[in-house]
Structure formats: C-alpha cells, structure tokens
Amino acid sequence: MSSLGKSALFIDGSNFHATAKALGFEIDYRRLLSEFQSRGTLLRAFYYTTIIEDQEYSSIRPLIDWLDYNGYTVVTKLSKEFIDAASGRRKVKGSMDVDLAVSAMELAQHVDQIVLCSGDGDFRSLVEALQRRGVRVTVVSTLSTQPPMVADDLRRQADVFIDLVELKPQVGRDPPDRPGSREVRQQFLARGTIRRDDRVE
C-alpha cells in the first residue's frame, strides 16, 4: 500500500452514501478514517452534507453527530424543499459542491494528496485545478454498478481511482456496528414509530 504523504479526505456525503447503498453495504466511518490514516499523515477528514430545512428529525442527524465527535470535520448546509412547477414533484435544492471545492483549494498548499469520495462529474475541474497545484488526487467511487456511480471524465482525470467495492473489506460496516443505530431505534420506539412486537407477516 503506497503512502499518500500528507493527505486530506473529502467526502461528498449524499453521493458517497448512494454509492455504498448501490453496492449493498454501509460505510463504517471509523474504519474509513483508520484506512486512510494508515496510508500516510491524514491532516483532515471532511464530510459534506445537506440537511432539509424544517425537518425536526433528520435520519442523518445521528451520523453527523457521531462523525463530529470522532475525528471528522462536518460541514452542513440547510437545503430547501420545493414543489417543481413542471413535474409537480417535491425536490430538494441545495448542493455542497462549491463549499467542498473551496476548502480543497484552500488546503492544496498543505497536502501532497487529496482523496475525494465522490463520483460527481462536476468535480472534474476541481481535480484538474488541484493537479495544477501539484496535488495528486485519488477518487473513490465505483464502476461496479449499472450504470457506474462515477462519471467517466472524473475517473479519467484522477491520478488514482479506487473502486469502493475493493475497499469493502476494510471500510464496510458489520450490521451490529451502526453508530447511533441503537439510540435511533430507541427514539423511534419512544415515539411509537416502531413497536417492539412488529412482525413481518
């Protein structure tokens, strides 16, 4: 396993979550942090996500709180839900792409390598800009789904591409290990959302 030197980890939360889900597993963020700490000096690990405004309880809240206390810098933004006039469907407006790109450019002079956990093709120009500054960029996503979760031009632009399916043994979560899952279940039980005697017929 080659050393990354000084590195920073940038996780596009919703994209990375969707990628792992498409591969049929969940990320153990403690293991993910350890994996990249073992590859060199990890200066910072960022997790970017949007939270829908006016939602009293968000399913992502326990994860955000856990990450915040366990070595990640969590960056959140309120996103707005609206009804799309054309389709009449509820849509969410809000993206963390610019926030992530600005932070990555600010850190560029302090690191040898940036690890980007996203398959979003919008990041290709960011990767190119970082490379012009002498930073190597590793992209973590997957080609193993149909269609692939990583944009082809982003994968080609990266110095290194790691398919998330290859990292599953190192960073996949064992089902009982979900951080916060017991607490979440207890909250739902308290609210009567789940009953202990629920049976699937």
Foldseek 3Di string as FASTA:
>chain_A
DAAQAEEEEEEAAVQLQVQQVLVPFGFQVLLVVVVNVVRYPYPAYEYEDEDEPPDPDDPCVLVQVVQVPRGHHYDYHYWYWDQDPVPRDIDIDDGCVVVRLVVCVVCLVVGQEYEYEHQDPVCLVSLVVSVVSNHAYEYEGAPPGVNGSHDPSSCVSHPHYDYVVVCCVRTTDDVVPDRCPVVVVVVCCVVVVDPPPDDDD
